[in-house]
């Protein structure tokens, strides 16, 4: 084969020489519309409490939401996910499914300020229980553990109450067996057949959640969550988990964590290419980049955009990330790459 006397790689270099051409032929796009910003809503008034391990993030009371939502809208962010910190925690996490709960109160306020925002509601109990686990605790063989079936009943109540408040997407995150089927049945029974379920289908028992547990005040008070979250050594199990959730009625899938699990994202997307796939760029992944940037060891904006693009390249259709606001600002400014 003749290349007119030139090395084949020369053609690739020609495609990289000019920024407009590089943009023209790039294979993966990262856009603000791909980002979902987490918000932590807490009880009280006039509260905007900094989260020490997550610079730039706060626990915010409902009455302080207007400025935050306006800043989000100004950055053209269209998607948020909500986590609640109630005033009172108890063994059943009753605020999670109370019609007067913290998230049920916040959703209508947000909708009034910014009706265009898509609200994803996290459905779990770790932030609401006084023991910090993702469901009702029972004793099995002298060891405390989550009672799967009793938890399903409460998850369904929580999902329905959040849907009634105006949530657009229900996102169960506890890795409780049968959670998608129970929630789908509960939503359909009261007429919410149009609300999709985004399941945390692939959620690993990861070390990358530490800052979140401070932010949501939901650290387990005993033991850990390895009995219901996945072993990080496994990838075939991820495909089985997805298959189970899809059989139960999940509309979208998620992998968590994200940038340390790119192989899992790619495997899930290759297996289910027709389904929307989310990836959760976790608090620990955020904190590692933030800490290195504060030390001056890396260029923050280029690093973040590279990591988020890598998550998209692996197959994620959208990314839940604590860098959503900064990334949106950088993308809107079309900051040129240094490469």
C-alpha atoms as a PDB file:
ATOM      1  CA  UNK A   1       0.000   0.000   0.000  1.00  0.00           C
ATOM      2  CA  UNK A   2       1.333   3.418  -0.984  1.00  0.00           C
ATOM      3  CA  UNK A   3       1.138   6.481   1.274  1.00  0.00           C
ATOM      4  CA  UNK A   4       2.705   8.809  -1.309  1.00  0.00           C
ATOM      5  CA  UNK A   5       6.069   8.619   0.357  1.00  0.00           C
ATOM      6  CA  UNK A   6       4.800   9.634   3.803  1.00  0.00           C
ATOM      7  CA  UNK A   7       4.546   7.691   7.017  1.00  0.00           C
ATOM      8  CA  UNK A   8       0.910   6.838   7.860  1.00  0.00           C
ATOM      9  CA  UNK A   9       1.280   8.602  11.234  1.00  0.00           C
ATOM     10  CA  UNK A  10       1.869  11.890   9.421  1.00  0.00           C
ATOM     11  CA  UNK A  11      -1.838  11.989   8.616  1.00  0.00           C
ATOM     12  CA  UNK A  12      -2.685  11.728  12.305  1.00  0.00           C
ATOM     13  CA  UNK A  13      -0.358  14.619  13.077  1.00  0.00           C
ATOM     14  CA  UNK A  14      -2.057  16.739  10.457  1.00  0.00           C
ATOM     15  CA  UNK A  15      -5.364  16.146  12.260  1.00  0.00           C
ATOM     16  CA  UNK A  16      -3.828  17.406  15.511  1.00  0.00           C
ATOM     17  CA  UNK A  17      -2.053  20.467  14.177  1.00  0.00           C
ATOM     18  CA  UNK A  18      -4.991  22.866  14.337  1.00  0.00           C
ATOM     19  CA  UNK A  19      -7.326  23.184  17.340  1.00  0.00           C
ATOM     20  CA  UNK A  20     -10.446  23.551  15.198  1.00  0.00           C
ATOM     21  CA  UNK A  21      -9.540  20.384  13.314  1.00  0.00           C
ATOM     22  CA  UNK A  22      -8.826  18.574  16.599  1.00  0.00           C
ATOM     23  CA  UNK A  23     -12.286  19.583  17.794  1.00  0.00           C
ATOM     24  CA  UNK A  24     -13.830  18.587  14.472  1.00  0.00           C
ATOM     25  CA  UNK A  25     -12.551  15.003  14.623  1.00  0.00           C
ATOM     26  CA  UNK A  26     -12.636  14.353  18.383  1.00  0.00           C
ATOM     27  CA  UNK A  27     -14.327  11.110  19.274  1.00  0.00           C
ATOM     28  CA  UNK A  28     -15.687  11.962  22.737  1.00  0.00           C
ATOM     29  CA  UNK A  29     -17.551  15.098  23.759  1.00  0.00           C
ATOM     30  CA  UNK A  30     -18.020  16.393  27.279  1.00  0.00           C
ATOM     31  CA  UNK A  31     -20.894  18.835  27.661  1.00  0.00           C
ATOM     32  CA  UNK A  32     -22.586  20.559  30.587  1.00  0.00           C
ATOM     33  CA  UNK A  33     -25.707  18.543  29.747  1.00  0.00           C
ATOM     34  CA  UNK A  34     -23.789  15.381  30.732  1.00  0.00           C
ATOM     35  CA  UNK A  35     -23.282  16.567  34.318  1.00  0.00           C
ATOM     36  CA  UNK A  36     -25.361  16.043  37.459  1.00  0.00           C
ATOM     37  CA  UNK A  37     -24.581  18.094  40.583  1.00  0.00           C
ATOM     38  CA  UNK A  38     -25.163  16.624  44.079  1.00  0.00           C
ATOM     39  CA  UNK A  39     -26.720  18.888  46.712  1.00  0.00           C
ATOM     40  CA  UNK A  40     -26.923  18.259  50.459  1.00  0.00           C
ATOM     41  CA  UNK A  41     -30.087  19.662  52.037  1.00  0.00           C
ATOM     42  CA  UNK A  42     -30.235  19.866  55.820  1.00  0.00           C
ATOM     43  CA  UNK A  43     -32.691  20.902  58.485  1.00  0.00           C
ATOM     44  CA  UNK A  44     -32.655  24.347  60.087  1.00  0.00           C
ATOM     45  CA  UNK A  45     -32.691  27.896  58.785  1.00  0.00           C
ATOM     46  CA  UNK A  46     -30.006  30.260  57.496  1.00  0.00           C
ATOM     47  CA  UNK A  47     -27.636  27.284  57.195  1.00  0.00           C
ATOM     48  CA  UNK A  48     -24.859  27.094  54.648  1.00  0.00           C
ATOM     49  CA  UNK A  49     -22.337  24.882  56.392  1.00  0.00           C
ATOM     50  CA  UNK A  50     -19.043  24.181  54.568  1.00  0.00           C
ATOM     51  CA  UNK A  51     -18.083  20.529  54.151  1.00  0.00           C
ATOM     52  CA  UNK A  52     -14.433  20.428  55.239  1.00  0.00           C
ATOM     53  CA  UNK A  53     -13.410  17.434  53.139  1.00  0.00           C
ATOM     54  CA  UNK A  54     -15.209  18.738  50.029  1.00  0.00           C
ATOM     55  CA  UNK A  55     -14.110  22.345  49.393  1.00  0.00           C
ATOM     56  CA  UNK A  56     -16.768  24.357  47.628  1.00  0.00           C
ATOM     57  CA  UNK A  57     -19.644  22.202  48.870  1.00  0.00           C
ATOM     58  CA  UNK A  58     -22.085  22.895  51.679  1.00  0.00           C
ATOM     59  CA  UNK A  59     -24.943  21.548  53.706  1.00  0.00           C
ATOM     60  CA  UNK A  60     -27.723  23.992  52.812  1.00  0.00           C
ATOM     61  CA  UNK A  61     -31.049  24.612  54.534  1.00  0.00           C
ATOM     62  CA  UNK A  62     -34.156  24.921  52.391  1.00  0.00           C
ATOM     63  CA  UNK A  63     -34.487  28.678  52.962  1.00  0.00           C
ATOM     64  CA  UNK A  64     -30.991  29.201  51.554  1.00  0.00           C
ATOM     65  CA  UNK A  65     -31.581  27.322  48.323  1.00  0.00           C
ATOM     66  CA  UNK A  66     -32.568  30.210  46.074  1.00  0.00           C
ATOM     67  CA  UNK A  67     -29.071  31.642  45.563  1.00  0.00           C
ATOM     68  CA  UNK A  68     -27.595  28.175  45.095  1.00  0.00           C
ATOM     69  CA  UNK A  69     -30.189  27.135  42.527  1.00  0.00           C
ATOM     70  CA  UNK A  70     -29.765  30.429  40.691  1.00  0.00           C
ATOM     71  CA  UNK A  71     -25.991  29.924  40.483  1.00  0.00           C
ATOM     72  CA  UNK A  72     -26.557  26.422  39.129  1.00  0.00           C
ATOM     73  CA  UNK A  73     -28.946  27.728  36.485  1.00  0.00           C
ATOM     74  CA  UNK A  74     -26.519  30.483  35.492  1.00  0.00           C
ATOM     75  CA  UNK A  75     -23.959  27.771  34.682  1.00  0.00           C
ATOM     76  CA  UNK A  76     -26.516  26.012  32.457  1.00  0.00           C
ATOM     77  CA  UNK A  77     -26.513  22.933  34.704  1.00  0.00           C
ATOM     78  CA  UNK A  78     -29.835  21.186  34.197  1.00  0.00           C
ATOM     79  CA  UNK A  79     -29.566  18.176  36.504  1.00  0.00           C
ATOM     80  CA  UNK A  80     -29.174  17.814  40.277  1.00  0.00           C
ATOM     81  CA  UNK A  81     -29.332  14.924  42.740  1.00  0.00           C
ATOM     82  CA  UNK A  82     -30.514  15.493  46.297  1.00  0.00           C
ATOM     83  CA  UNK A  83     -29.347  14.049  49.622  1.00  0.00           C
ATOM     84  CA  UNK A  84     -31.019  14.903  52.912  1.00  0.00           C
ATOM     85  CA  UNK A  85     -29.767  15.454  56.459  1.00  0.00           C
ATOM     86  CA  UNK A  86     -32.794  15.424  58.774  1.00  0.00           C
ATOM     87  CA  UNK A  87     -33.100  16.998  62.184  1.00  0.00           C
ATOM     88  CA  UNK A  88     -33.908  13.702  63.882  1.00  0.00           C
ATOM     89  CA  UNK A  89     -32.531  10.281  63.027  1.00  0.00           C
ATOM     90  CA  UNK A  90     -34.048   7.027  64.249  1.00  0.00           C
ATOM     91  CA  UNK A  91     -33.688   3.273  63.622  1.00  0.00           C
ATOM     92  CA  UNK A  92     -36.235   3.360  60.761  1.00  0.00           C
ATOM     93  CA  UNK A  93     -35.114   6.617  59.142  1.00  0.00           C
ATOM     94  CA  UNK A  94     -38.678   7.922  59.210  1.00  0.00           C
ATOM     95  CA  UNK A  95     -37.811  11.337  57.746  1.00  0.00           C
ATOM     96  CA  UNK A  96     -36.906   9.547  54.502  1.00  0.00           C
ATOM     97  CA  UNK A  97     -40.549   8.692  53.829  1.00  0.00           C
ATOM     98  CA  UNK A  98     -42.372  11.445  55.708  1.00  0.00           C
ATOM     99  CA  UNK A  99     -44.375  13.809  53.519  1.00  0.00           C
ATOM    100  CA  UNK A 100     -42.818  16.581  55.614  1.00  0.00           C
ATOM    101  CA  UNK A 101     -39.286  15.195  55.311  1.00  0.00           C
ATOM    102  CA  UNK A 102     -36.300  17.339  54.396  1.00  0.00           C
ATOM    103  CA  UNK A 103     -36.166  16.303  50.720  1.00  0.00           C
ATOM    104  CA  UNK A 104     -39.948  16.320  50.342  1.00  0.00           C
ATOM    105  CA  UNK A 105     -39.855  19.917  51.592  1.00  0.00           C
ATOM    106  CA  UNK A 106     -36.941  20.946  49.378  1.00  0.00           C
ATOM    107  CA  UNK A 107     -38.185  19.580  46.041  1.00  0.00           C
ATOM    108  CA  UNK A 108     -41.201  21.922  45.631  1.00  0.00           C
ATOM    109  CA  UNK A 109     -39.042  24.895  46.608  1.00  0.00           C
ATOM    110  CA  UNK A 110     -36.454  24.008  43.956  1.00  0.00           C
ATOM    111  CA  UNK A 111     -39.165  23.440  41.345  1.00  0.00           C
ATOM    112  CA  UNK A 112     -40.625  26.873  42.058  1.00  0.00           C
ATOM    113  CA  UNK A 113     -37.213  28.554  41.684  1.00  0.00           C
ATOM    114  CA  UNK A 114     -36.117  26.593  38.607  1.00  0.00           C
ATOM    115  CA  UNK A 115     -38.874  24.496  37.008  1.00  0.00           C
ATOM    116  CA  UNK A 116     -36.518  23.447  34.223  1.00  0.00           C
ATOM    117  CA  UNK A 117     -34.161  21.549  36.541  1.00  0.00           C
ATOM    118  CA  UNK A 118     -34.297  17.765  36.492  1.00  0.00           C
ATOM    119  CA  UNK A 119     -34.320  16.530  40.087  1.00  0.00           C
ATOM    120  CA  UNK A 120     -32.897  13.098  40.795  1.00  0.00           C
ATOM    121  CA  UNK A 121     -33.870  11.889  44.257  1.00  0.00           C
ATOM    122  CA  UNK A 122     -31.501   9.499  46.016  1.00  0.00           C
ATOM    123  CA  UNK A 123     -33.489   6.728  47.690  1.00  0.00           C
ATOM    124  CA  UNK A 124     -31.677   5.199  50.659  1.00  0.00           C
ATOM    125  CA  UNK A 125     -31.640   5.279  54.466  1.00  0.00           C
ATOM    126  CA  UNK A 126     -28.028   5.802  55.513  1.00  0.00           C
ATOM    127  CA  UNK A 127     -28.495   9.576  55.966  1.00  0.00           C
ATOM    128  CA  UNK A 128     -31.741   9.125  57.904  1.00  0.00           C
ATOM    129  CA  UNK A 129     -31.019   6.300  60.355  1.00  0.00           C
ATOM    130  CA  UNK A 130     -29.190   6.671  63.652  1.00  0.00           C
ATOM    131  CA  UNK A 131     -27.086   3.612  62.835  1.00  0.00           C
ATOM    132  CA  UNK A 132     -25.985   4.821  59.380  1.00  0.00           C
ATOM    133  CA  UNK A 133     -26.896   1.685  57.460  1.00  0.00           C
ATOM    134  CA  UNK A 134     -29.039   1.539  54.333  1.00  0.00           C
ATOM    135  CA  UNK A 135     -32.093  -0.126  55.855  1.00  0.00           C
ATOM    136  CA  UNK A 136     -33.684  -1.693  58.897  1.00  0.00           C
ATOM    137  CA  UNK A 137     -31.215  -3.517  61.112  1.00  0.00           C
ATOM    138  CA  UNK A 138     -31.892  -7.020  62.378  1.00  0.00           C
ATOM    139  CA  UNK A 139     -29.717  -9.631  64.084  1.00  0.00           C
ATOM    140  CA  UNK A 140     -28.585 -12.635  62.068  1.00  0.00           C
ATOM    141  CA  UNK A 141     -26.401 -15.293  63.661  1.00  0.00           C
ATOM    142  CA  UNK A 142     -25.656 -12.905  66.536  1.00  0.00           C
ATOM    143  CA  UNK A 143     -24.487 -10.226  64.067  1.00  0.00           C
ATOM    144  CA  UNK A 144     -26.417  -7.079  63.123  1.00  0.00           C
ATOM    145  CA  UNK A 145     -27.316  -6.880  59.430  1.00  0.00           C
ATOM    146  CA  UNK A 146     -29.787  -5.155  57.116  1.00  0.00           C
ATOM    147  CA  UNK A 147     -33.186  -6.825  56.939  1.00  0.00           C
ATOM    148  CA  UNK A 148     -33.656  -6.900  53.180  1.00  0.00           C
ATOM    149  CA  UNK A 149     -37.414  -7.514  52.939  1.00  0.00           C
ATOM    150  CA  UNK A 150     -38.491  -5.037  55.617  1.00  0.00           C
ATOM    151  CA  UNK A 151     -36.247  -2.426  54.016  1.00  0.00           C
ATOM    152  CA  UNK A 152     -37.997  -2.876  50.659  1.00  0.00           C
ATOM    153  CA  UNK A 153     -41.289  -1.764  52.202  1.00  0.00           C
ATOM    154  CA  UNK A 154     -39.754   1.453  53.498  1.00  0.00           C
ATOM    155  CA  UNK A 155     -37.818   2.127  50.281  1.00  0.00           C
ATOM    156  CA  UNK A 156     -41.110   1.964  48.390  1.00  0.00           C
ATOM    157  CA  UNK A 157     -42.708   4.447  50.803  1.00  0.00           C
ATOM    158  CA  UNK A 158     -39.707   6.752  50.412  1.00  0.00           C
ATOM    159  CA  UNK A 159     -39.782   6.603  46.612  1.00  0.00           C
ATOM    160  CA  UNK A 160     -43.512   7.328  46.458  1.00  0.00           C
ATOM    161  CA  UNK A 161     -43.236  10.276  48.858  1.00  0.00           C
ATOM    162  CA  UNK A 162     -40.388  11.800  46.825  1.00  0.00           C
ATOM    163  CA  UNK A 163     -42.343  11.317  43.599  1.00  0.00           C
ATOM    164  CA  UNK A 164     -45.361  13.034  45.150  1.00  0.00           C
ATOM    165  CA  UNK A 165     -43.097  15.953  46.103  1.00  0.00           C
ATOM    166  CA  UNK A 166     -42.063  16.362  42.453  1.00  0.00           C
ATOM    167  CA  UNK A 167     -38.902  14.300  41.883  1.00  0.00           C
ATOM    168  CA  UNK A 168     -38.277  13.604  38.198  1.00  0.00           C
ATOM    169  CA  UNK A 169     -36.066  10.525  38.606  1.00  0.00           C
ATOM    170  CA  UNK A 170     -35.982   8.013  41.459  1.00  0.00           C
ATOM    171  CA  UNK A 171     -32.493   6.662  42.176  1.00  0.00           C
ATOM    172  CA  UNK A 172     -32.286   3.803  44.710  1.00  0.00           C
ATOM    173  CA  UNK A 173     -28.701   3.509  45.950  1.00  0.00           C
ATOM    174  CA  UNK A 174     -28.714   0.994  48.783  1.00  0.00           C
ATOM    175  CA  UNK A 175     -27.981  -2.184  46.784  1.00  0.00           C
ATOM    176  CA  UNK A 176     -30.921  -3.879  48.505  1.00  0.00           C
ATOM    177  CA  UNK A 177     -32.018  -7.043  46.695  1.00  0.00           C
ATOM    178  CA  UNK A 178     -35.312  -6.492  44.867  1.00  0.00           C
ATOM    179  CA  UNK A 179     -35.326  -2.734  45.397  1.00  0.00           C
ATOM    180  CA  UNK A 180     -36.080  -1.836  41.781  1.00  0.00           C
ATOM    181  CA  UNK A 181     -39.042  -4.209  41.504  1.00  0.00           C
ATOM    182  CA  UNK A 182     -40.514  -3.030  44.805  1.00  0.00           C
ATOM    183  CA  UNK A 183     -40.137   0.642  43.915  1.00  0.00           C
ATOM    184  CA  UNK A 184     -41.463   0.187  40.374  1.00  0.00           C
ATOM    185  CA  UNK A 185     -44.506  -1.593  41.687  1.00  0.00           C
ATOM    186  CA  UNK A 186     -45.078   1.074  44.333  1.00  0.00           C
ATOM    187  CA  UNK A 187     -44.742   3.965  41.881  1.00  0.00           C
ATOM    188  CA  UNK A 188     -47.002   2.329  39.307  1.00  0.00           C
ATOM    189  CA  UNK A 189     -49.643   1.545  41.919  1.00  0.00           C
ATOM    190  CA  UNK A 190     -50.174   5.241  42.703  1.00  0.00           C
ATOM    191  CA  UNK A 191     -49.977   6.483  39.124  1.00  0.00           C
ATOM    192  CA  UNK A 192     -46.292   7.399  38.730  1.00  0.00           C
ATOM    193  CA  UNK A 193     -45.762   5.106  35.760  1.00  0.00           C
ATOM    194  CA  UNK A 194     -43.951   7.905  33.911  1.00  0.00           C
ATOM    195  CA  UNK A 195     -41.164   8.355  36.468  1.00  0.00           C
ATOM    196  CA  UNK A 196     -37.967   6.485  35.518  1.00  0.00           C
ATOM    197  CA  UNK A 197     -35.766   4.551  37.924  1.00  0.00           C
ATOM    198  CA  UNK A 198     -32.032   5.150  37.856  1.00  0.00           C
ATOM    199  CA  UNK A 199     -30.605   2.211  39.760  1.00  0.00           C
ATOM    200  CA  UNK A 200     -27.208   2.219  41.444  1.00  0.00           C
ATOM    201  CA  UNK A 201     -26.899  -1.238  39.941  1.00  0.00           C
ATOM    202  CA  UNK A 202     -23.114  -1.464  40.272  1.00  0.00           C
ATOM    203  CA  UNK A 203     -22.084   0.044  43.586  1.00  0.00           C
ATOM    204  CA  UNK A 204     -18.856  -1.174  45.090  1.00  0.00           C
ATOM    205  CA  UNK A 205     -17.890  -1.277  48.755  1.00  0.00           C
ATOM    206  CA  UNK A 206     -15.288   1.377  48.069  1.00  0.00           C
ATOM    207  CA  UNK A 207     -12.868   3.510  50.053  1.00  0.00           C
ATOM    208  CA  UNK A 208     -13.856   6.447  47.824  1.00  0.00           C
ATOM    209  CA  UNK A 209     -16.935   7.455  49.836  1.00  0.00           C
ATOM    210  CA  UNK A 210     -15.299   8.971  52.920  1.00  0.00           C
ATOM    211  CA  UNK A 211     -16.016  12.675  52.321  1.00  0.00           C
ATOM    212  CA  UNK A 212     -19.625  11.899  51.359  1.00  0.00           C
ATOM    213  CA  UNK A 213     -20.204  10.266  54.717  1.00  0.00           C
ATOM    214  CA  UNK A 214     -19.155  13.495  56.390  1.00  0.00           C
ATOM    215  CA  UNK A 215     -21.312  15.544  54.022  1.00  0.00           C
ATOM    216  CA  UNK A 216     -24.418  13.416  54.481  1.00  0.00           C
ATOM    217  CA  UNK A 217     -23.662  12.535  58.116  1.00  0.00           C
ATOM    218  CA  UNK A 218     -24.343   8.917  57.211  1.00  0.00           C
ATOM    219  CA  UNK A 219     -21.313   6.893  58.273  1.00  0.00           C
ATOM    220  CA  UNK A 220     -22.213   3.428  59.619  1.00  0.00           C
ATOM    221  CA  UNK A 221     -22.027   3.359  63.408  1.00  0.00           C
ATOM    222  CA  UNK A 222     -20.911  -0.265  63.416  1.00  0.00           C
ATOM    223  CA  UNK A 223     -19.576  -2.736  60.874  1.00  0.00           C
ATOM    224  CA  UNK A 224     -19.529  -1.838  57.193  1.00  0.00           C
ATOM    225  CA  UNK A 225     -21.652  -2.246  54.072  1.00  0.00           C
ATOM    226  CA  UNK A 226     -19.832  -5.143  52.460  1.00  0.00           C
ATOM    227  CA  UNK A 227     -22.755  -7.508  52.933  1.00  0.00           C
ATOM    228  CA  UNK A 228     -24.843  -5.508  50.465  1.00  0.00           C
ATOM    229  CA  UNK A 229     -22.311  -3.557  48.358  1.00  0.00           C
ATOM    230  CA  UNK A 230     -20.057  -5.225  45.794  1.00  0.00           C
ATOM    231  CA  UNK A 231     -16.539  -6.572  46.213  1.00  0.00           C
ATOM    232  CA  UNK A 232     -14.217  -4.283  44.247  1.00  0.00           C
ATOM    233  CA  UNK A 233     -12.347  -7.307  42.874  1.00  0.00           C
ATOM    234  CA  UNK A 234     -15.363  -8.383  40.793  1.00  0.00           C
ATOM    235  CA  UNK A 235     -16.500  -7.318  37.334  1.00  0.00           C
ATOM    236  CA  UNK A 236     -18.645 -10.239  36.132  1.00  0.00           C
ATOM    237  CA  UNK A 237     -20.818  -9.657  39.175  1.00  0.00           C
ATOM    238  CA  UNK A 238     -21.485  -6.148  37.856  1.00  0.00           C
ATOM    239  CA  UNK A 239     -23.098  -7.578  34.734  1.00  0.00           C
ATOM    240  CA  UNK A 240     -25.247  -9.919  36.820  1.00  0.00           C
ATOM    241  CA  UNK A 241     -26.363  -7.032  39.033  1.00  0.00           C
ATOM    242  CA  UNK A 242     -27.360  -5.014  35.963  1.00  0.00           C
ATOM    243  CA  UNK A 243     -29.279  -7.942  34.497  1.00  0.00           C
ATOM    244  CA  UNK A 244     -31.221  -8.373  37.736  1.00  0.00           C
ATOM    245  CA  UNK A 245     -32.140  -4.690  37.929  1.00  0.00           C
ATOM    246  CA  UNK A 246     -33.200  -4.605  34.299  1.00  0.00           C
ATOM    247  CA  UNK A 247     -35.412  -7.639  34.819  1.00  0.00           C
ATOM    248  CA  UNK A 248     -37.059  -5.738  37.685  1.00  0.00           C
ATOM    249  CA  UNK A 249     -37.766  -2.636  35.589  1.00  0.00           C
ATOM    250  CA  UNK A 250     -34.765  -0.298  35.854  1.00  0.00           C
ATOM    251  CA  UNK A 251     -34.729   2.376  33.136  1.00  0.00           C
ATOM    252  CA  UNK A 252     -31.128   3.517  33.666  1.00  0.00           C
ATOM    253  CA  UNK A 253     -28.029   1.952  35.187  1.00  0.00           C
ATOM    254  CA  UNK A 254     -25.177   3.399  37.213  1.00  0.00           C
ATOM    255  CA  UNK A 255     -21.607   2.474  38.111  1.00  0.00           C
ATOM    256  CA  UNK A 256     -20.100   3.852  41.318  1.00  0.00           C
ATOM    257  CA  UNK A 257     -17.228   4.846  41.716  1.00  0.00           C
ATOM    258  CA  UNK A 258     -16.337   6.192  38.275  1.00  0.00           C
ATOM    259  CA  UNK A 259     -12.800   7.195  37.346  1.00  0.00           C
ATOM    260  CA  UNK A 260     -11.216   4.328  39.275  1.00  0.00           C
ATOM    261  CA  UNK A 261     -13.676   1.894  37.628  1.00  0.00           C
ATOM    262  CA  UNK A 262     -13.456   2.813  33.946  1.00  0.00           C
ATOM    263  CA  UNK A 263     -13.140  -0.851  32.974  1.00  0.00           C
ATOM    264  CA  UNK A 264     -16.446  -1.600  34.675  1.00  0.00           C
ATOM    265  CA  UNK A 265     -18.173   1.310  32.933  1.00  0.00           C
ATOM    266  CA  UNK A 266     -16.893   0.086  29.570  1.00  0.00           C
ATOM    267  CA  UNK A 267     -17.955  -3.502  30.267  1.00  0.00           C
ATOM    268  CA  UNK A 268     -21.462  -2.491  31.305  1.00  0.00           C
ATOM    269  CA  UNK A 269     -21.895  -0.169  28.308  1.00  0.00           C
ATOM    270  CA  UNK A 270     -20.654  -2.814  25.895  1.00  0.00           C
ATOM    271  CA  UNK A 271     -23.101  -5.312  27.375  1.00  0.00           C
ATOM    272  CA  UNK A 272     -26.086  -2.922  27.394  1.00  0.00           C
ATOM    273  CA  UNK A 273     -25.295  -0.299  24.711  1.00  0.00           C
ATOM    274  CA  UNK A 274     -28.928   0.734  24.261  1.00  0.00           C
ATOM    275  CA  UNK A 275     -29.467   1.715  27.908  1.00  0.00           C
ATOM    276  CA  UNK A 276     -28.583   5.066  29.491  1.00  0.00           C
ATOM    277  CA  UNK A 277     -25.604   4.611  31.785  1.00  0.00           C
ATOM    278  CA  UNK A 278     -24.574   6.948  34.559  1.00  0.00           C
ATOM    279  CA  UNK A 279     -21.326   7.031  36.513  1.00  0.00           C
ATOM    280  CA  UNK A 280     -20.843   8.526  39.959  1.00  0.00           C
ATOM    281  CA  UNK A 281     -17.576  10.439  40.260  1.00  0.00           C
ATOM    282  CA  UNK A 282     -17.425  10.031  44.005  1.00  0.00           C
ATOM    283  CA  UNK A 283     -16.486  12.335  46.849  1.00  0.00           C
ATOM    284  CA  UNK A 284     -13.162  10.562  47.373  1.00  0.00           C
ATOM    285  CA  UNK A 285     -12.266  10.862  43.694  1.00  0.00           C
ATOM    286  CA  UNK A 286     -13.204  14.551  43.853  1.00  0.00           C
ATOM    287  CA  UNK A 287     -11.191  15.087  47.034  1.00  0.00           C
ATOM    288  CA  UNK A 288      -8.024  13.488  45.638  1.00  0.00           C
ATOM    289  CA  UNK A 289      -7.980  15.849  42.667  1.00  0.00           C
ATOM    290  CA  UNK A 290      -8.899  18.852  44.807  1.00  0.00           C
ATOM    291  CA  UNK A 291      -6.150  18.128  47.351  1.00  0.00           C
ATOM    292  CA  UNK A 292      -3.485  17.656  44.677  1.00  0.00           C
ATOM    293  CA  UNK A 293      -4.589  20.876  42.959  1.00  0.00           C
ATOM    294  CA  UNK A 294      -4.418  22.807  46.237  1.00  0.00           C
ATOM    295  CA  UNK A 295      -0.856  21.537  46.658  1.00  0.00           C
ATOM    296  CA  UNK A 296      -0.042  22.823  43.190  1.00  0.00           C
ATOM    297  CA  UNK A 297       0.891  19.347  41.999  1.00  0.00           C
ATOM    298  CA  UNK A 298      -1.587  19.261  39.091  1.00  0.00           C
ATOM    299  CA  UNK A 299      -3.486  21.710  36.911  1.00  0.00           C
ATOM    300  CA  UNK A 300      -7.016  21.385  38.293  1.00  0.00           C
ATOM    301  CA  UNK A 301      -9.120  22.353  35.293  1.00  0.00           C
ATOM    302  CA  UNK A 302      -7.208  20.265  32.767  1.00  0.00           C
ATOM    303  CA  UNK A 303      -7.138  17.291  35.131  1.00  0.00           C
ATOM    304  CA  UNK A 304     -10.848  17.446  35.871  1.00  0.00           C
ATOM    305  CA  UNK A 305     -11.870  17.811  32.244  1.00  0.00           C
ATOM    306  CA  UNK A 306      -9.541  14.953  31.288  1.00  0.00           C
ATOM    307  CA  UNK A 307     -10.971  12.661  33.979  1.00  0.00           C
ATOM    308  CA  UNK A 308     -14.588  13.499  33.178  1.00  0.00           C
ATOM    309  CA  UNK A 309     -13.933  12.994  29.471  1.00  0.00           C
ATOM    310  CA  UNK A 310     -12.336   9.629  30.257  1.00  0.00           C
ATOM    311  CA  UNK A 311     -15.494   8.601  32.111  1.00  0.00           C
ATOM    312  CA  UNK A 312     -17.543   9.599  29.067  1.00  0.00           C
ATOM    313  CA  UNK A 313     -15.091   7.810  26.771  1.00  0.00           C
ATOM    314  CA  UNK A 314     -15.476   4.631  28.809  1.00  0.00           C
ATOM    315  CA  UNK A 315     -19.197   4.698  28.081  1.00  0.00           C
ATOM    316  CA  UNK A 316     -21.017   6.862  30.628  1.00  0.00           C
ATOM    317  CA  UNK A 317     -23.857   8.911  29.150  1.00  0.00           C
ATOM    318  CA  UNK A 318     -23.957  11.182  32.190  1.00  0.00           C
ATOM    319  CA  UNK A 319     -21.801  11.796  35.250  1.00  0.00           C
ATOM    320  CA  UNK A 320     -22.763  12.671  38.801  1.00  0.00           C
ATOM    321  CA  UNK A 321     -19.847  14.780  39.961  1.00  0.00           C
ATOM    322  CA  UNK A 322     -18.955  17.270  42.685  1.00  0.00           C
ATOM    323  CA  UNK A 323     -16.985  19.095  40.002  1.00  0.00           C
ATOM    324  CA  UNK A 324     -20.133  19.878  38.018  1.00  0.00           C
ATOM    325  CA  UNK A 325     -20.109  23.630  38.754  1.00  0.00           C
ATOM    326  CA  UNK A 326     -16.398  24.127  38.047  1.00  0.00           C
ATOM    327  CA  UNK A 327     -16.520  21.897  34.968  1.00  0.00           C
ATOM    328  CA  UNK A 328     -19.555  23.764  33.668  1.00  0.00           C
ATOM    329  CA  UNK A 329     -17.767  27.087  34.078  1.00  0.00           C
ATOM    330  CA  UNK A 330     -14.649  25.795  32.309  1.00  0.00           C
ATOM    331  CA  UNK A 331     -16.685  24.290  29.482  1.00  0.00           C
ATOM    332  CA  UNK A 332     -18.767  27.424  29.030  1.00  0.00           C
ATOM    333  CA  UNK A 333     -15.625  29.514  28.779  1.00  0.00           C
ATOM    334  CA  UNK A 334     -14.215  27.032  26.259  1.00  0.00           C
ATOM    335  CA  UNK A 335     -10.894  27.129  28.025  1.00  0.00           C
ATOM    336  CA  UNK A 336      -8.217  26.036  25.536  1.00  0.00           C
ATOM    337  CA  UNK A 337      -6.260  22.902  26.267  1.00  0.00           C
ATOM    338  CA  UNK A 338      -2.556  23.152  26.969  1.00  0.00           C
ATOM    339  CA  UNK A 339      -1.907  19.945  25.100  1.00  0.00           C
END
